[in-house]
Amino acid sequence: MLSMTLTFLIIALIAGVLGFGGISAAAAGIAKILFFIFLVAFVVSLIMGRRRPR
């Protein structure tokens, strides 16, 4: 998940440098959404991992 976020971020940066504003904005938006999904999944896994074993 985080690798996909980094991929879209790199695509956004390259598109921004080359002057493709629409593609850059779309890729940055996708990267932002994926990053927040990754953060939520990370926090959930931390909470679930801290439970006591039965």
C-alpha atoms as a PDB file:
ATOM      1  CA  MET A   1       0.000   0.000   0.000  1.00  0.00           C
ATOM      2  CA  LEU A   2       2.759   2.418   0.884  1.00  0.00           C
ATOM      3  CA  SER A   3       4.673   1.521  -2.284  1.00  0.00           C
ATOM      4  CA  MET A   4       1.615   2.433  -4.360  1.00  0.00           C
ATOM      5  CA  THR A   5       1.451   5.763  -2.544  1.00  0.00           C
ATOM      6  CA  LEU A   6       5.089   6.479  -3.327  1.00  0.00           C
ATOM      7  CA  THR A   7       4.551   5.482  -6.963  1.00  0.00           C
ATOM      8  CA  PHE A   8       1.664   7.908  -7.388  1.00  0.00           C
ATOM      9  CA  LEU A   9       3.647  10.610  -5.597  1.00  0.00           C
ATOM     10  CA  ILE A  10       6.561  10.177  -8.003  1.00  0.00           C
ATOM     11  CA  ILE A  11       4.157  10.236 -10.963  1.00  0.00           C
ATOM     12  CA  ALA A  12       2.662  13.465  -9.618  1.00  0.00           C
ATOM     13  CA  LEU A  13       6.082  15.063  -9.209  1.00  0.00           C
ATOM     14  CA  ILE A  14       7.225  14.098 -12.693  1.00  0.00           C
ATOM     15  CA  ALA A  15       3.958  15.239 -14.264  1.00  0.00           C
ATOM     16  CA  GLY A  16       4.211  18.528 -12.378  1.00  0.00           C
ATOM     17  CA  VAL A  17       7.748  19.148 -13.604  1.00  0.00           C
ATOM     18  CA  LEU A  18       6.726  18.388 -17.189  1.00  0.00           C
ATOM     19  CA  GLY A  19       3.758  20.747 -16.988  1.00  0.00           C
ATOM     20  CA  PHE A  20       0.866  18.280 -16.920  1.00  0.00           C
ATOM     21  CA  GLY A  21      -1.144  19.995 -14.184  1.00  0.00           C
ATOM     22  CA  GLY A  22      -4.294  17.865 -14.408  1.00  0.00           C
ATOM     23  CA  ILE A  23      -2.443  14.577 -14.284  1.00  0.00           C
ATOM     24  CA  SER A  24      -0.254  15.867 -11.488  1.00  0.00           C
ATOM     25  CA  ALA A  25      -3.246  16.926  -9.392  1.00  0.00           C
ATOM     26  CA  ALA A  26      -5.037  13.629  -9.974  1.00  0.00           C
ATOM     27  CA  ALA A  27      -1.978  11.550  -9.063  1.00  0.00           C
ATOM     28  CA  ALA A  28      -1.340  13.658  -5.964  1.00  0.00           C
ATOM     29  CA  GLY A  29      -4.965  13.204  -4.892  1.00  0.00           C
ATOM     30  CA  ILE A  30      -4.746   9.438  -5.320  1.00  0.00           C
ATOM     31  CA  ALA A  31      -1.468   9.385  -3.399  1.00  0.00           C
ATOM     32  CA  LYS A  32      -3.059  11.365  -0.560  1.00  0.00           C
ATOM     33  CA  ILE A  33      -6.039   9.002  -0.342  1.00  0.00           C
ATOM     34  CA  LEU A  34      -3.812   5.911  -0.374  1.00  0.00           C
ATOM     35  CA  PHE A  35      -1.582   7.417   2.312  1.00  0.00           C
ATOM     36  CA  PHE A  36      -4.518   8.011   4.647  1.00  0.00           C
ATOM     37  CA  ILE A  37      -5.809   4.481   4.031  1.00  0.00           C
ATOM     38  CA  PHE A  38      -2.317   3.206   4.878  1.00  0.00           C
ATOM     39  CA  LEU A  39      -2.274   5.259   8.089  1.00  0.00           C
ATOM     40  CA  VAL A  40      -5.655   3.908   9.194  1.00  0.00           C
ATOM     41  CA  ALA A  41      -4.579   0.329   8.467  1.00  0.00           C
ATOM     42  CA  PHE A  42      -1.325   0.910  10.374  1.00  0.00           C
ATOM     43  CA  VAL A  43      -3.108   2.287  13.449  1.00  0.00           C
ATOM     44  CA  VAL A  44      -5.620  -0.572  13.401  1.00  0.00           C
ATOM     45  CA  SER A  45      -2.804  -3.123  13.193  1.00  0.00           C
ATOM     46  CA  LEU A  46      -1.016  -1.442  16.098  1.00  0.00           C
ATOM     47  CA  ILE A  47      -4.158  -1.528  18.226  1.00  0.00           C
ATOM     48  CA  MET A  48      -4.913  -5.151  17.337  1.00  0.00           C
ATOM     49  CA  GLY A  49      -1.306  -6.153  18.024  1.00  0.00           C
ATOM     50  CA  ARG A  50      -1.337  -4.726  21.536  1.00  0.00           C
ATOM     51  CA  ARG A  51      -4.093  -7.029  22.720  1.00  0.00           C
ATOM     52  CA  ARG A  52      -3.190  -9.596  25.324  1.00  0.00           C
ATOM     53  CA  PRO A  53      -2.929 -13.147  24.093  1.00  0.00           C
ATOM     54  CA  ARG A  54      -5.626 -15.440  25.439  1.00  0.00           C
END
